[in-house]
């Protein structure tokens, strides 16, 4: 039974998803949210008054692709939080379907991995429905502008799941670097790949 479950997860992980068939696309204004962090405190983007923007990542515990990108997500926070673009991680997975993604297990993973960024539970899935992420991990690079939180990039962290391609394109890094130089990112969207985010029935 466990082998069958692993094979199913592996098959789903191989899928690619277009970034936001519905939800936000580059140029859209994203809405703020208030979600519970693994430390029990409520977090919203408005709390980060000195931030220039955010690297919002929809991820989870159970997905092997999300786990493969974990260190790269940690590296993004280490590189860009001090420059004004902190990582905000969100788990929108239904714990009834994936018990590994229960709030208690989010707390355990965050503590065990010493996350430097918040790991928020989107228990109602209202946030992922608004943003339109379909796979874990999916990234939204938001920039604070006069109009609000403008989506400047959405999609994959990079194009190298195995982290073995020396010609890897680091989409998120390139996007944030461009914004820090007051430039428009050359690439504003890509295909996110990973495990499907299954939405609860309305």
N, C-alpha and C. Protein backbone atom coordinates (compact mmCIF):
# COMPACT_ATOMS: atom_id res chain seq x y z
N UNK A 1 0.83 -1.20 0.00
CA UNK A 1 0.00 0.00 0.00
C UNK A 1 0.87 1.26 0.00
N UNK A 2 1.91 1.28 0.85
CA UNK A 2 2.79 2.44 0.91
C UNK A 2 3.50 2.66 -0.42
N UNK A 3 3.88 1.53 -1.08
CA UNK A 3 4.55 1.64 -2.37
C UNK A 3 3.62 2.26 -3.40
N UNK A 4 2.35 1.86 -3.38
CA UNK A 4 1.37 2.41 -4.31
C UNK A 4 1.20 3.90 -4.11
N UNK A 5 1.11 4.33 -2.85
CA UNK A 5 0.96 5.75 -2.54
C UNK A 5 2.16 6.53 -3.04
N UNK A 6 3.36 5.98 -2.84
CA UNK A 6 4.58 6.66 -3.29
C UNK A 6 4.59 6.83 -4.81
N UNK A 7 4.15 5.76 -5.53
CA UNK A 7 4.12 5.82 -6.98
C UNK A 7 3.14 6.87 -7.48
N UNK A 8 2.00 6.97 -6.79
CA UNK A 8 1.00 7.98 -7.16
C UNK A 8 1.57 9.38 -6.96
N UNK A 9 2.22 9.60 -5.81
CA UNK A 9 2.81 10.91 -5.52
C UNK A 9 3.88 11.24 -6.55
N UNK A 10 4.71 10.24 -6.89
CA UNK A 10 5.77 10.47 -7.86
C UNK A 10 5.21 10.85 -9.22
N UNK A 11 4.10 10.19 -9.60
CA UNK A 11 3.48 10.50 -10.89
C UNK A 11 2.93 11.91 -10.92
N UNK A 12 2.27 12.30 -9.84
CA UNK A 12 1.72 13.66 -9.75
C UNK A 12 2.84 14.69 -9.76
N UNK A 13 3.96 14.35 -9.11
CA UNK A 13 5.08 15.27 -9.02
C UNK A 13 5.69 15.59 -10.36
N UNK A 14 5.52 14.69 -11.32
CA UNK A 14 6.11 14.89 -12.64
C UNK A 14 5.30 15.85 -13.50
N UNK A 15 4.12 16.22 -13.04
CA UNK A 15 3.26 17.09 -13.83
C UNK A 15 3.73 18.53 -13.78
N UNK A 16 3.44 19.27 -14.85
CA UNK A 16 3.70 20.70 -14.88
C UNK A 16 2.37 21.43 -14.91
N UNK A 17 2.34 22.60 -14.33
CA UNK A 17 1.10 23.36 -14.26
C UNK A 17 1.35 24.77 -14.77
N UNK A 18 0.45 25.26 -15.62
CA UNK A 18 0.55 26.65 -16.04
C UNK A 18 0.34 27.55 -14.83
N UNK A 19 1.10 28.65 -14.74
CA UNK A 19 1.00 29.51 -13.56
C UNK A 19 -0.26 30.34 -13.57
N UNK A 20 -1.24 29.94 -12.83
CA UNK A 20 -2.48 30.69 -12.62
C UNK A 20 -3.40 30.73 -13.83
N UNK A 21 -4.03 29.61 -14.12
CA UNK A 21 -5.09 29.61 -15.12
C UNK A 21 -6.20 30.53 -14.65
N UNK A 22 -6.44 30.53 -13.35
CA UNK A 22 -7.27 31.54 -12.69
C UNK A 22 -6.42 32.07 -11.55
N UNK A 23 -6.80 33.19 -10.99
CA UNK A 23 -5.96 33.76 -9.94
C UNK A 23 -5.10 34.87 -10.50
N UNK A 24 -4.01 35.17 -9.81
CA UNK A 24 -3.19 36.32 -10.18
C UNK A 24 -2.21 35.99 -11.30
N UNK A 25 -2.02 36.97 -12.16
CA UNK A 25 -1.00 36.91 -13.20
C UNK A 25 -0.12 38.15 -13.07
N UNK A 26 1.03 38.18 -13.71
CA UNK A 26 1.90 39.35 -13.61
C UNK A 26 1.17 40.64 -13.97
N UNK A 27 1.36 41.63 -13.13
CA UNK A 27 0.70 42.93 -13.31
C UNK A 27 -0.53 43.10 -12.45
N UNK A 28 -1.08 41.99 -11.95
CA UNK A 28 -2.25 42.07 -11.07
C UNK A 28 -1.85 42.59 -9.69
N UNK A 29 -2.84 43.09 -8.98
CA UNK A 29 -2.64 43.54 -7.60
C UNK A 29 -3.15 42.44 -6.67
N UNK A 30 -2.26 41.92 -5.85
CA UNK A 30 -2.61 40.85 -4.92
C UNK A 30 -3.17 41.42 -3.62
N UNK A 31 -4.10 40.70 -3.04
CA UNK A 31 -4.65 41.12 -1.77
C UNK A 31 -3.83 40.55 -0.62
N UNK A 32 -3.86 41.24 0.49
CA UNK A 32 -3.18 40.78 1.70
C UNK A 32 -4.00 39.65 2.32
N UNK A 33 -3.45 39.02 3.31
CA UNK A 33 -4.13 37.93 4.01
C UNK A 33 -3.67 37.93 5.45
N UNK A 34 -4.35 37.18 6.28
CA UNK A 34 -3.94 36.98 7.67
C UNK A 34 -4.08 35.50 7.97
N UNK A 35 -2.95 34.83 8.18
CA UNK A 35 -2.93 33.39 8.41
C UNK A 35 -2.11 33.07 9.66
N UNK A 36 -2.38 31.90 10.22
CA UNK A 36 -1.67 31.49 11.44
C UNK A 36 -0.31 30.89 11.12
N UNK A 37 0.70 31.44 11.74
CA UNK A 37 2.07 30.94 11.61
C UNK A 37 2.26 29.72 12.52
N UNK A 38 3.35 28.99 12.30
CA UNK A 38 3.62 27.81 13.12
C UNK A 38 3.90 28.15 14.58
N UNK A 39 4.20 29.42 14.85
CA UNK A 39 4.41 29.83 16.25
C UNK A 39 3.12 30.26 16.93
N UNK A 40 1.99 30.10 16.23
CA UNK A 40 0.69 30.43 16.81
C UNK A 40 0.24 31.85 16.56
N UNK A 41 1.11 32.70 16.04
CA UNK A 41 0.77 34.10 15.81
C UNK A 41 0.18 34.29 14.41
N UNK A 42 -0.71 35.26 14.29
CA UNK A 42 -1.29 35.59 13.00
C UNK A 42 -0.33 36.50 12.24
N UNK A 43 -0.20 36.25 10.95
CA UNK A 43 0.75 37.00 10.12
C UNK A 43 0.02 37.55 8.89
N UNK A 44 0.29 38.81 8.58
CA UNK A 44 -0.18 39.39 7.33
C UNK A 44 0.98 40.14 6.69
N UNK A 45 0.88 40.40 5.41
CA UNK A 45 1.95 41.11 4.73
C UNK A 45 2.07 42.55 5.23
N UNK A 46 0.98 43.09 5.72
CA UNK A 46 1.00 44.46 6.25
C UNK A 46 1.89 44.58 7.48
N UNK A 47 2.19 43.45 8.12
CA UNK A 47 3.06 43.48 9.29
C UNK A 47 4.49 43.88 8.92
N UNK A 48 4.86 43.66 7.67
CA UNK A 48 6.24 43.91 7.22
C UNK A 48 6.33 45.33 6.65
N UNK A 49 6.34 46.30 7.53
CA UNK A 49 6.26 47.69 7.10
C UNK A 49 7.48 48.17 6.32
N UNK A 50 8.63 47.57 6.56
CA UNK A 50 9.85 48.01 5.88
C UNK A 50 10.17 47.18 4.64
N UNK A 51 9.35 46.17 4.35
CA UNK A 51 9.61 45.31 3.19
C UNK A 51 9.36 46.07 1.89
N UNK A 52 10.13 45.73 0.87
CA UNK A 52 9.92 46.27 -0.48
C UNK A 52 8.97 45.39 -1.28
N UNK A 53 8.85 44.15 -0.81
CA UNK A 53 7.99 43.18 -1.48
C UNK A 53 8.13 41.84 -0.80
N UNK A 54 7.69 40.79 -1.46
CA UNK A 54 7.66 39.47 -0.83
C UNK A 54 7.90 38.36 -1.85
N UNK A 55 8.46 37.28 -1.36
CA UNK A 55 8.56 36.04 -2.13
C UNK A 55 7.58 35.07 -1.48
N UNK A 56 6.37 35.01 -2.00
CA UNK A 56 5.32 34.16 -1.43
C UNK A 56 5.39 32.79 -2.09
N UNK A 57 5.58 31.76 -1.27
CA UNK A 57 5.75 30.41 -1.79
C UNK A 57 4.65 29.50 -1.26
N UNK A 58 3.87 28.92 -2.17
CA UNK A 58 2.90 27.89 -1.79
C UNK A 58 3.62 26.55 -1.81
N UNK A 59 3.72 25.93 -0.64
CA UNK A 59 4.48 24.70 -0.49
C UNK A 59 3.73 23.78 0.48
N UNK A 60 4.36 22.69 0.89
CA UNK A 60 3.73 21.78 1.84
C UNK A 60 4.77 20.79 2.35
N UNK A 61 4.38 19.94 3.27
CA UNK A 61 5.29 18.93 3.82
C UNK A 61 5.38 17.68 2.95
N UNK A 62 4.24 17.25 2.41
CA UNK A 62 4.18 15.90 1.84
C UNK A 62 4.78 15.77 0.45
N UNK A 63 4.87 16.84 -0.30
CA UNK A 63 5.27 16.77 -1.70
C UNK A 63 6.78 16.60 -1.86
N UNK A 64 7.23 15.58 -2.58
CA UNK A 64 8.67 15.38 -2.77
C UNK A 64 9.32 16.51 -3.56
N UNK A 65 8.59 17.13 -4.47
CA UNK A 65 9.16 18.26 -5.20
C UNK A 65 9.34 19.46 -4.28
N UNK A 66 8.35 19.72 -3.45
CA UNK A 66 8.46 20.81 -2.49
C UNK A 66 9.65 20.58 -1.55
N UNK A 67 9.81 19.35 -1.11
CA UNK A 67 10.94 19.03 -0.23
C UNK A 67 12.28 19.20 -0.95
N UNK A 68 12.30 18.87 -2.25
CA UNK A 68 13.52 19.03 -3.02
C UNK A 68 13.93 20.49 -3.16
N UNK A 69 12.93 21.36 -3.10
CA UNK A 69 13.21 22.79 -3.22
C UNK A 69 13.38 23.50 -1.87
N UNK A 70 13.26 22.78 -0.80
CA UNK A 70 13.26 23.39 0.53
C UNK A 70 14.52 24.22 0.79
N UNK A 71 15.69 23.65 0.52
CA UNK A 71 16.93 24.38 0.78
C UNK A 71 17.06 25.60 -0.12
N UNK A 72 16.55 25.50 -1.34
CA UNK A 72 16.62 26.66 -2.24
C UNK A 72 15.68 27.77 -1.77
N UNK A 73 14.56 27.40 -1.19
CA UNK A 73 13.65 28.40 -0.63
C UNK A 73 14.28 29.06 0.60
N UNK A 74 14.95 28.24 1.42
CA UNK A 74 15.66 28.79 2.57
C UNK A 74 16.76 29.75 2.11
N UNK A 75 17.44 29.39 1.02
CA UNK A 75 18.51 30.25 0.50
C UNK A 75 17.96 31.57 -0.03
N UNK A 76 16.76 31.53 -0.62
CA UNK A 76 16.14 32.78 -1.08
C UNK A 76 15.89 33.73 0.07
N UNK A 77 15.39 33.19 1.19
CA UNK A 77 15.14 34.04 2.35
C UNK A 77 16.45 34.58 2.90
N UNK A 78 17.47 33.73 2.96
CA UNK A 78 18.76 34.17 3.48
C UNK A 78 19.36 35.29 2.63
N UNK A 79 19.14 35.20 1.33
CA UNK A 79 19.73 36.19 0.41
C UNK A 79 18.92 37.48 0.33
N UNK A 80 17.59 37.36 0.39
CA UNK A 80 16.77 38.53 0.05
C UNK A 80 15.98 39.15 1.19
N UNK A 81 15.82 38.47 2.31
CA UNK A 81 15.04 39.06 3.41
C UNK A 81 15.64 40.39 3.85
N UNK A 82 16.95 40.41 4.01
CA UNK A 82 17.61 41.64 4.46
C UNK A 82 17.58 42.74 3.40
N UNK A 83 17.33 42.35 2.16
CA UNK A 83 17.27 43.32 1.06
C UNK A 83 15.84 43.81 0.83
N UNK A 84 14.90 43.29 1.65
CA UNK A 84 13.53 43.79 1.56
C UNK A 84 12.53 42.85 0.93
N UNK A 85 12.97 41.62 0.58
CA UNK A 85 12.07 40.65 -0.02
C UNK A 85 12.11 39.33 0.75
N UNK A 86 11.43 39.29 1.90
CA UNK A 86 11.41 38.06 2.69
C UNK A 86 10.54 36.98 2.06
N UNK A 87 10.86 35.73 2.39
CA UNK A 87 10.03 34.60 1.99
C UNK A 87 8.85 34.47 2.94
N UNK A 88 7.67 34.25 2.39
CA UNK A 88 6.48 33.93 3.17
C UNK A 88 5.97 32.60 2.62
N UNK A 89 6.11 31.54 3.40
CA UNK A 89 5.69 30.21 2.95
C UNK A 89 4.27 29.92 3.43
N UNK A 90 3.48 29.32 2.56
CA UNK A 90 2.08 29.02 2.86
C UNK A 90 1.79 27.56 2.49
N UNK A 91 1.18 26.84 3.41
CA UNK A 91 0.72 25.49 3.12
C UNK A 91 -0.81 25.52 3.00
N UNK A 92 -1.30 25.21 1.81
CA UNK A 92 -2.74 25.20 1.56
C UNK A 92 -3.27 23.78 1.39
N UNK A 93 -2.43 22.80 1.65
CA UNK A 93 -2.82 21.40 1.48
C UNK A 93 -3.90 21.01 2.49
N UNK A 94 -4.83 20.17 2.07
CA UNK A 94 -5.90 19.70 2.94
C UNK A 94 -5.36 18.58 3.83
N UNK A 95 -5.24 18.80 5.14
CA UNK A 95 -4.69 17.78 6.02
C UNK A 95 -5.56 16.53 6.14
N UNK A 96 -6.84 16.64 5.79
CA UNK A 96 -7.68 15.45 5.78
C UNK A 96 -7.25 14.49 4.67
N UNK A 97 -6.72 15.05 3.59
CA UNK A 97 -6.23 14.24 2.48
C UNK A 97 -4.76 13.88 2.67
N UNK A 98 -4.00 14.82 3.24
CA UNK A 98 -2.57 14.63 3.47
C UNK A 98 -2.26 14.94 4.93
N UNK A 99 -2.38 13.98 5.83
CA UNK A 99 -2.16 14.23 7.26
C UNK A 99 -0.78 14.79 7.58
N UNK A 100 0.18 14.55 6.68
CA UNK A 100 1.53 15.09 6.88
C UNK A 100 1.50 16.61 6.91
N UNK A 101 0.45 17.20 6.35
CA UNK A 101 0.34 18.66 6.28
C UNK A 101 -0.57 19.23 7.36
N UNK A 102 -0.80 18.49 8.43
CA UNK A 102 -1.56 19.03 9.55
C UNK A 102 -0.78 20.18 10.19
N UNK A 103 -1.47 21.02 10.91
CA UNK A 103 -0.82 22.16 11.55
C UNK A 103 0.31 21.70 12.48
N UNK A 104 0.06 20.63 13.23
CA UNK A 104 1.09 20.12 14.15
C UNK A 104 2.32 19.66 13.38
N UNK A 105 2.12 19.07 12.22
CA UNK A 105 3.26 18.62 11.42
C UNK A 105 3.97 19.77 10.73
N UNK A 106 3.24 20.84 10.40
CA UNK A 106 3.90 22.04 9.89
C UNK A 106 4.82 22.60 10.96
N UNK A 107 4.35 22.62 12.20
CA UNK A 107 5.16 23.11 13.30
C UNK A 107 6.42 22.27 13.47
N UNK A 108 6.27 20.94 13.39
CA UNK A 108 7.41 20.04 13.56
C UNK A 108 8.45 20.26 12.47
N UNK A 109 8.00 20.38 11.23
CA UNK A 109 8.96 20.54 10.14
C UNK A 109 9.67 21.88 10.23
N UNK A 110 8.94 22.93 10.52
CA UNK A 110 9.55 24.25 10.64
C UNK A 110 10.59 24.27 11.74
N UNK A 111 10.27 23.62 12.86
CA UNK A 111 11.21 23.57 13.99
C UNK A 111 12.42 22.70 13.65
N UNK A 112 12.16 21.56 13.02
CA UNK A 112 13.25 20.65 12.69
C UNK A 112 14.20 21.20 11.66
N UNK A 113 13.68 22.02 10.75
CA UNK A 113 14.50 22.61 9.69
C UNK A 113 14.98 24.02 10.03
N UNK A 114 14.56 24.53 11.19
CA UNK A 114 14.97 25.88 11.63
C UNK A 114 14.64 26.95 10.58
N UNK A 115 13.39 26.91 10.12
CA UNK A 115 12.97 27.91 9.14
C UNK A 115 13.21 29.33 9.68
N UNK A 116 13.72 30.18 8.82
CA UNK A 116 13.92 31.59 9.18
C UNK A 116 12.74 32.44 8.72
N UNK A 117 11.79 31.82 8.05
CA UNK A 117 10.64 32.52 7.49
C UNK A 117 9.35 31.94 8.07
N UNK A 118 8.26 32.67 8.03
CA UNK A 118 6.99 32.14 8.53
C UNK A 118 6.49 31.01 7.65
N UNK A 119 5.83 30.05 8.27
CA UNK A 119 5.21 28.93 7.56
C UNK A 119 3.75 28.95 7.97
N UNK A 120 2.89 29.43 7.08
CA UNK A 120 1.52 29.74 7.41
C UNK A 120 0.55 28.66 6.94
N UNK A 121 -0.49 28.45 7.72
CA UNK A 121 -1.51 27.45 7.40
C UNK A 121 -2.72 28.13 6.77
N UNK A 122 -2.97 27.81 5.51
CA UNK A 122 -4.13 28.33 4.78
C UNK A 122 -5.26 27.31 4.94
N UNK A 123 -5.81 27.22 6.13
CA UNK A 123 -6.74 26.15 6.47
C UNK A 123 -8.04 26.20 5.67
N UNK A 124 -8.51 27.39 5.33
CA UNK A 124 -9.75 27.52 4.55
C UNK A 124 -9.49 27.43 3.05
N UNK A 125 -8.23 27.51 2.67
CA UNK A 125 -7.79 27.55 1.27
C UNK A 125 -8.26 28.82 0.54
N UNK A 126 -8.68 29.82 1.28
CA UNK A 126 -9.12 31.06 0.65
C UNK A 126 -7.96 31.77 -0.06
N UNK A 127 -6.77 31.68 0.52
CA UNK A 127 -5.63 32.39 -0.06
C UNK A 127 -5.18 31.73 -1.36
N UNK A 128 -5.06 30.41 -1.35
CA UNK A 128 -4.62 29.73 -2.58
C UNK A 128 -5.68 29.88 -3.68
N UNK A 129 -6.94 29.93 -3.32
CA UNK A 129 -7.99 30.16 -4.32
C UNK A 129 -7.83 31.55 -4.94
N UNK A 130 -7.51 32.55 -4.12
CA UNK A 130 -7.34 33.91 -4.63
C UNK A 130 -6.10 34.02 -5.52
N UNK A 131 -5.01 33.39 -5.08
CA UNK A 131 -3.75 33.51 -5.82
C UNK A 131 -3.75 32.62 -7.06
N UNK A 132 -4.37 31.45 -6.98
CA UNK A 132 -4.47 30.57 -8.13
C UNK A 132 -3.37 29.55 -8.28
N UNK A 133 -2.56 29.35 -7.23
CA UNK A 133 -1.50 28.33 -7.30
C UNK A 133 -2.13 26.96 -7.45
N UNK A 134 -1.53 26.13 -8.29
CA UNK A 134 -2.06 24.80 -8.55
C UNK A 134 -1.10 23.68 -8.15
N UNK A 135 0.14 24.04 -7.88
CA UNK A 135 1.14 23.03 -7.56
C UNK A 135 2.07 23.53 -6.47
N UNK A 136 2.70 22.57 -5.78
CA UNK A 136 3.73 22.92 -4.81
C UNK A 136 5.08 22.44 -5.31
N UNK A 137 6.08 23.37 -5.34
CA UNK A 137 5.98 24.78 -4.92
C UNK A 137 5.62 25.71 -6.09
N UNK A 138 4.87 26.76 -5.79
CA UNK A 138 4.61 27.85 -6.73
C UNK A 138 4.95 29.16 -6.03
N UNK A 139 5.64 30.03 -6.75
CA UNK A 139 6.12 31.29 -6.17
C UNK A 139 5.41 32.48 -6.80
N UNK A 140 5.12 33.48 -5.96
CA UNK A 140 4.62 34.78 -6.41
C UNK A 140 5.57 35.83 -5.85
N UNK A 141 6.24 36.56 -6.73
CA UNK A 141 7.07 37.68 -6.29
C UNK A 141 6.21 38.93 -6.35
N UNK A 142 5.99 39.51 -5.19
CA UNK A 142 5.16 40.71 -5.07
C UNK A 142 6.04 41.93 -4.78
N UNK A 143 5.69 43.03 -5.37
CA UNK A 143 6.40 44.28 -5.12
C UNK A 143 5.43 45.33 -4.59
N UNK A 144 5.83 46.02 -3.53
CA UNK A 144 5.02 47.11 -3.02
C UNK A 144 5.11 48.28 -3.99
N UNK A 145 3.96 48.70 -4.49
CA UNK A 145 3.91 49.84 -5.40
C UNK A 145 2.83 50.80 -4.92
N UNK A 146 2.70 51.91 -5.62
CA UNK A 146 1.68 52.89 -5.25
C UNK A 146 0.28 52.31 -5.40
N UNK A 147 0.14 51.32 -6.25
CA UNK A 147 -1.16 50.70 -6.48
C UNK A 147 -1.47 49.55 -5.54
N UNK A 148 -0.44 49.07 -4.84
CA UNK A 148 -0.62 47.93 -3.94
C UNK A 148 0.45 46.89 -4.16
N UNK A 149 0.15 45.64 -3.83
CA UNK A 149 1.10 44.55 -3.98
C UNK A 149 1.02 44.01 -5.41
N UNK A 150 1.94 44.46 -6.25
CA UNK A 150 1.91 44.10 -7.66
C UNK A 150 2.65 42.79 -7.90
N UNK A 151 1.99 41.88 -8.59
CA UNK A 151 2.62 40.60 -8.94
C UNK A 151 3.62 40.86 -10.06
N UNK A 152 4.89 40.58 -9.79
CA UNK A 152 5.94 40.81 -10.78
C UNK A 152 6.46 39.51 -11.40
N UNK A 153 6.21 38.40 -10.74
CA UNK A 153 6.61 37.09 -11.27
C UNK A 153 5.76 36.02 -10.61
N UNK A 154 5.43 34.99 -11.37
CA UNK A 154 4.77 33.83 -10.79
C UNK A 154 5.19 32.58 -11.53
N UNK A 155 5.39 31.50 -10.78
CA UNK A 155 5.77 30.23 -11.39
C UNK A 155 6.75 29.45 -10.53
N UNK A 156 7.70 28.81 -11.17
CA UNK A 156 8.67 27.95 -10.49
C UNK A 156 9.82 28.75 -9.90
N UNK A 157 10.51 28.15 -8.94
CA UNK A 157 11.72 28.76 -8.38
C UNK A 157 12.79 28.84 -9.47
N UNK A 158 12.97 27.74 -10.19
CA UNK A 158 13.92 27.66 -11.30
C UNK A 158 13.45 26.55 -12.23
N UNK A 159 14.26 26.21 -13.21
CA UNK A 159 13.85 25.18 -14.18
C UNK A 159 14.64 23.89 -14.01
N UNK A 160 15.14 23.66 -12.79
CA UNK A 160 16.05 22.53 -12.56
C UNK A 160 15.67 21.80 -11.28
N UNK A 161 14.66 20.93 -11.37
CA UNK A 161 14.19 20.22 -10.17
C UNK A 161 15.30 19.41 -9.51
N UNK A 162 16.17 18.79 -10.31
CA UNK A 162 17.22 17.93 -9.76
C UNK A 162 18.45 18.72 -9.29
N UNK A 163 18.46 20.02 -9.56
CA UNK A 163 19.59 20.89 -9.20
C UNK A 163 20.90 20.33 -9.74
N UNK A 164 20.86 19.94 -11.02
CA UNK A 164 22.04 19.33 -11.63
C UNK A 164 22.44 20.01 -12.93
N UNK A 165 21.67 21.01 -13.36
CA UNK A 165 21.93 21.68 -14.64
C UNK A 165 22.73 22.95 -14.41
N UNK A 166 23.99 22.99 -14.89
CA UNK A 166 24.80 24.21 -14.69
C UNK A 166 24.23 25.42 -15.41
N UNK A 167 23.34 25.18 -16.39
CA UNK A 167 22.72 26.28 -17.12
C UNK A 167 21.34 26.62 -16.55
N UNK A 168 21.11 26.23 -15.31
CA UNK A 168 19.83 26.45 -14.66
C UNK A 168 19.43 27.93 -14.71
N UNK A 169 18.14 28.18 -14.96
CA UNK A 169 17.61 29.54 -14.95
C UNK A 169 16.94 29.78 -13.60
N UNK A 170 17.48 30.68 -12.82
CA UNK A 170 16.95 30.98 -11.48
C UNK A 170 15.91 32.09 -11.59
N UNK A 171 14.69 31.68 -11.91
CA UNK A 171 13.64 32.64 -12.20
C UNK A 171 13.40 33.63 -11.07
N UNK A 172 13.27 33.12 -9.85
CA UNK A 172 12.93 34.00 -8.73
C UNK A 172 14.09 34.94 -8.42
N UNK A 173 15.30 34.41 -8.36
CA UNK A 173 16.46 35.27 -8.11
C UNK A 173 16.57 36.36 -9.16
N UNK A 174 16.42 35.97 -10.41
CA UNK A 174 16.53 36.97 -11.49
C UNK A 174 15.46 38.04 -11.38
N UNK A 175 14.25 37.63 -11.00
CA UNK A 175 13.15 38.60 -10.87
C UNK A 175 13.41 39.58 -9.74
N UNK A 176 13.81 39.05 -8.58
CA UNK A 176 14.06 39.93 -7.43
C UNK A 176 15.26 40.83 -7.68
N UNK A 177 16.31 40.29 -8.28
CA UNK A 177 17.49 41.11 -8.59
C UNK A 177 17.10 42.28 -9.50
N UNK A 178 16.25 42.01 -10.49
CA UNK A 178 15.81 43.08 -11.39
C UNK A 178 15.03 44.14 -10.63
N UNK A 179 14.14 43.72 -9.75
CA UNK A 179 13.33 44.68 -8.98
C UNK A 179 14.21 45.53 -8.07
N UNK A 180 15.23 44.92 -7.50
CA UNK A 180 16.14 45.67 -6.63
C UNK A 180 16.93 46.72 -7.42
N UNK A 181 17.02 46.52 -8.72
CA UNK A 181 17.71 47.49 -9.59
C UNK A 181 16.71 48.41 -10.30
N UNK A 182 15.45 48.37 -9.79
CA UNK A 182 14.38 49.20 -10.36
C UNK A 182 14.13 48.88 -11.84
N UNK A 183 14.25 47.59 -12.16
CA UNK A 183 13.99 47.13 -13.51
C UNK A 183 12.81 46.16 -13.52
N UNK A 184 12.22 45.96 -14.67
CA UNK A 184 11.16 44.96 -14.82
C UNK A 184 11.81 43.61 -15.09
N UNK A 185 11.40 42.55 -14.40
CA UNK A 185 11.98 41.24 -14.66
C UNK A 185 11.85 40.84 -16.12
N UNK A 186 12.91 40.23 -16.66
CA UNK A 186 12.88 39.80 -18.06
C UNK A 186 11.88 38.67 -18.26
N UNK A 187 11.78 37.79 -17.26
CA UNK A 187 10.82 36.68 -17.29
C UNK A 187 9.83 36.90 -16.16
N UNK A 188 8.56 37.01 -16.48
CA UNK A 188 7.55 37.31 -15.46
C UNK A 188 6.67 36.12 -15.10
N UNK A 189 6.81 35.02 -15.84
CA UNK A 189 6.05 33.82 -15.49
C UNK A 189 6.75 32.59 -16.05
N UNK A 190 6.48 31.46 -15.43
CA UNK A 190 7.00 30.18 -15.89
C UNK A 190 6.03 29.10 -15.44
N UNK A 191 6.23 27.87 -15.89
CA UNK A 191 5.39 26.76 -15.47
C UNK A 191 5.85 26.24 -14.12
N UNK A 192 4.95 26.24 -13.17
CA UNK A 192 5.24 25.63 -11.87
C UNK A 192 5.05 24.12 -12.01
N UNK A 193 5.92 23.36 -11.38
CA UNK A 193 5.80 21.91 -11.45
C UNK A 193 5.92 21.34 -10.04
N UNK A 194 5.19 20.26 -9.80
CA UNK A 194 5.21 19.64 -8.48
C UNK A 194 3.91 18.91 -8.23
N UNK A 195 3.54 18.82 -6.98
CA UNK A 195 2.33 18.08 -6.60
C UNK A 195 1.11 19.01 -6.67
N UNK A 196 0.03 18.45 -7.15
CA UNK A 196 -1.19 19.23 -7.31
C UNK A 196 -1.75 19.65 -5.97
N UNK A 197 -2.19 20.91 -5.87
CA UNK A 197 -2.91 21.40 -4.70
C UNK A 197 -4.38 21.06 -4.90
N UNK A 198 -4.89 20.14 -4.11
CA UNK A 198 -6.28 19.71 -4.25
C UNK A 198 -7.17 20.60 -3.39
N UNK A 199 -8.13 21.25 -4.01
CA UNK A 199 -9.03 22.12 -3.28
C UNK A 199 -10.21 21.34 -2.72
N UNK A 200 -10.63 21.73 -1.53
CA UNK A 200 -11.80 21.11 -0.91
C UNK A 200 -13.05 21.49 -1.69
N UNK A 201 -14.04 20.66 -1.61
CA UNK A 201 -15.31 20.98 -2.26
C UNK A 201 -15.92 22.21 -1.59
N UNK A 202 -16.44 23.11 -2.38
CA UNK A 202 -17.01 24.35 -1.85
C UNK A 202 -18.29 24.06 -1.08
